[in-house]
C-alpha atoms as a PDB file:
ATOM      1  CA  UNK A   1     120.070 103.240  86.853  1.00  0.00           C
ATOM      2  CA  UNK A   2     118.633 102.365  90.816  1.00  0.00           C
ATOM      3  CA  UNK A   3     120.728  99.894  92.971  1.00  0.00           C
ATOM      4  CA  UNK A   4     118.431  97.986  95.387  1.00  0.00           C
ATOM      5  CA  UNK A   5     120.692  95.221  97.547  1.00  0.00           C
ATOM      6  CA  UNK A   6     119.257  92.513  98.792  1.00  0.00           C
ATOM      7  CA  UNK A   7     119.808  90.390 102.170  1.00  0.00           C
ATOM      8  CA  UNK A   8     122.097  87.249 101.167  1.00  0.00           C
ATOM      9  CA  UNK A   9     120.342  84.612 101.448  1.00  0.00           C
ATOM     10  CA  UNK A  10     122.199  82.292 103.526  1.00  0.00           C
ATOM     11  CA  UNK A  11     123.231  83.575 106.853  1.00  0.00           C
ATOM     12  CA  UNK A  12     127.231  82.320 106.383  1.00  0.00           C
ATOM     13  CA  UNK A  13     128.087  83.944 102.808  1.00  0.00           C
ATOM     14  CA  UNK A  14     130.341  86.344 103.288  1.00  0.00           C
ATOM     15  CA  UNK A  15     128.541  89.843 101.529  1.00  0.00           C
ATOM     16  CA  UNK A  16     130.859  92.169  98.844  1.00  0.00           C
ATOM     17  CA  UNK A  17     128.601  95.490  98.600  1.00  0.00           C
ATOM     18  CA  UNK A  18     128.981  98.423 101.089  1.00  0.00           C
ATOM     19  CA  UNK A  19     126.370 100.235 100.659  1.00  0.00           C
ATOM     20  CA  UNK A  20     128.554 104.156 101.275  1.00  0.00           C
ATOM     21  CA  UNK A  21     125.603 106.610 100.744  1.00  0.00           C
ATOM     22  CA  UNK A  22     122.029 107.047  99.143  1.00  0.00           C
ATOM     23  CA  UNK A  23     124.011 107.006  95.829  1.00  0.00           C
ATOM     24  CA  UNK A  24     126.655 104.825  96.342  1.00  0.00           C
ATOM     25  CA  UNK A  25     128.368 101.140  96.728  1.00  0.00           C
ATOM     26  CA  UNK A  26     131.313  99.857  96.770  1.00  0.00           C
ATOM     27  CA  UNK A  27     132.644  96.651  95.833  1.00  0.00           C
ATOM     28  CA  UNK A  28     134.912  94.157  97.979  1.00  0.00           C
ATOM     29  CA  UNK A  29     136.595  90.916  96.935  1.00  0.00           C
ATOM     30  CA  UNK A  30     135.889  88.310  98.967  1.00  0.00           C
ATOM     31  CA  UNK A  31     138.172  86.819 101.579  1.00  0.00           C
ATOM     32  CA  UNK A  32     140.448  84.242  99.883  1.00  0.00           C
ATOM     33  CA  UNK A  33     140.446  85.840  96.354  1.00  0.00           C
ATOM     34  CA  UNK A  34     142.748  87.915  94.817  1.00  0.00           C
ATOM     35  CA  UNK A  35     142.543  89.800  91.965  1.00  0.00           C
ATOM     36  CA  UNK A  36     145.845  91.911  91.133  1.00  0.00           C
ATOM     37  CA  UNK A  37     148.992  90.380  90.534  1.00  0.00           C
ATOM     38  CA  UNK A  38     150.657  92.129  93.479  1.00  0.00           C
ATOM     39  CA  UNK A  39     147.866  91.010  96.165  1.00  0.00           C
ATOM     40  CA  UNK A  40     146.298  94.040  97.031  1.00  0.00           C
ATOM     41  CA  UNK A  41     142.476  93.504  97.223  1.00  0.00           C
ATOM     42  CA  UNK A  42     141.137  95.850  94.414  1.00  0.00           C
ATOM     43  CA  UNK A  43     137.850  97.294  95.948  1.00  0.00           C
ATOM     44  CA  UNK A  44     135.444 100.015  93.167  1.00  0.00           C
ATOM     45  CA  UNK A  45     132.888 102.244  93.321  1.00  0.00           C
ATOM     46  CA  UNK A  46     129.697 102.625  91.611  1.00  0.00           C
ATOM     47  CA  UNK A  47     127.263 105.560  91.627  1.00  0.00           C
ATOM     48  CA  UNK A  48     123.148 104.833  90.749  1.00  0.00           C
ATOM     49  CA  UNK A  49     120.548 107.792  91.008  1.00  0.00           C
ATOM     50  CA  UNK A  50     119.177 105.709  94.505  1.00  0.00           C
ATOM     51  CA  UNK A  51     120.500 103.212  96.656  1.00  0.00           C
ATOM     52  CA  UNK A  52     118.401 100.774  98.357  1.00  0.00           C
ATOM     53  CA  UNK A  53     119.690  98.880 101.012  1.00  0.00           C
ATOM     54  CA  UNK A  54     118.517  95.453 102.624  1.00  0.00           C
ATOM     55  CA  UNK A  55     116.072  97.066 104.380  1.00  0.00           C
ATOM     56  CA  UNK A  56     113.953  98.713 101.996  1.00  0.00           C
ATOM     57  CA  UNK A  57     110.830  97.606 101.787  1.00  0.00           C
ATOM     58  CA  UNK A  58     108.847  96.812  98.385  1.00  0.00           C
ATOM     59  CA  UNK A  59     106.511  99.434  98.617  1.00  0.00           C
ATOM     60  CA  UNK A  60     109.023 101.598  99.744  1.00  0.00           C
ATOM     61  CA  UNK A  61     110.767 100.754  96.208  1.00  0.00           C
ATOM     62  CA  UNK A  62     107.557 101.376  94.521  1.00  0.00           C
ATOM     63  CA  UNK A  63     107.121 104.788  96.099  1.00  0.00           C
ATOM     64  CA  UNK A  64     110.153 106.063  94.818  1.00  0.00           C
ATOM     65  CA  UNK A  65     111.341 104.225  91.297  1.00  0.00           C
ATOM     66  CA  UNK A  66     107.616 103.041  89.657  1.00  0.00           C
ATOM     67  CA  UNK A  67     104.920 104.902  91.422  1.00  0.00           C
ATOM     68  CA  UNK A  68     106.126 108.441  89.230  1.00  0.00           C
ATOM     69  CA  UNK A  69     105.712 107.001  86.444  1.00  0.00           C
ATOM     70  CA  UNK A  70     102.303 105.052  86.710  1.00  0.00           C
ATOM     71  CA  UNK A  71     101.253 108.746  88.204  1.00  0.00           C
ATOM     72  CA  UNK A  72     103.143 110.317  84.589  1.00  0.00           C
ATOM     73  CA  UNK A  73     100.606 108.362  82.593  1.00  0.00           C
ATOM     74  CA  UNK A  74      96.970 108.043  83.948  1.00  0.00           C
END
């Protein structure tokens, strides 16, 4: 599974996703929200085959994800 982190549509929105490395993202709780009863913020990490950050172009994504599949078909 691949993950693509897209930029936020509104500049004043708070981003809750942090790219840790090329295979891991970390989710942060937005300000003002508490997930646990004790008031701690919960941060969770998820791993993927590859993570594409907000500056990844459609061409770069296609070259890694789809192009190998297309070439195997041909």
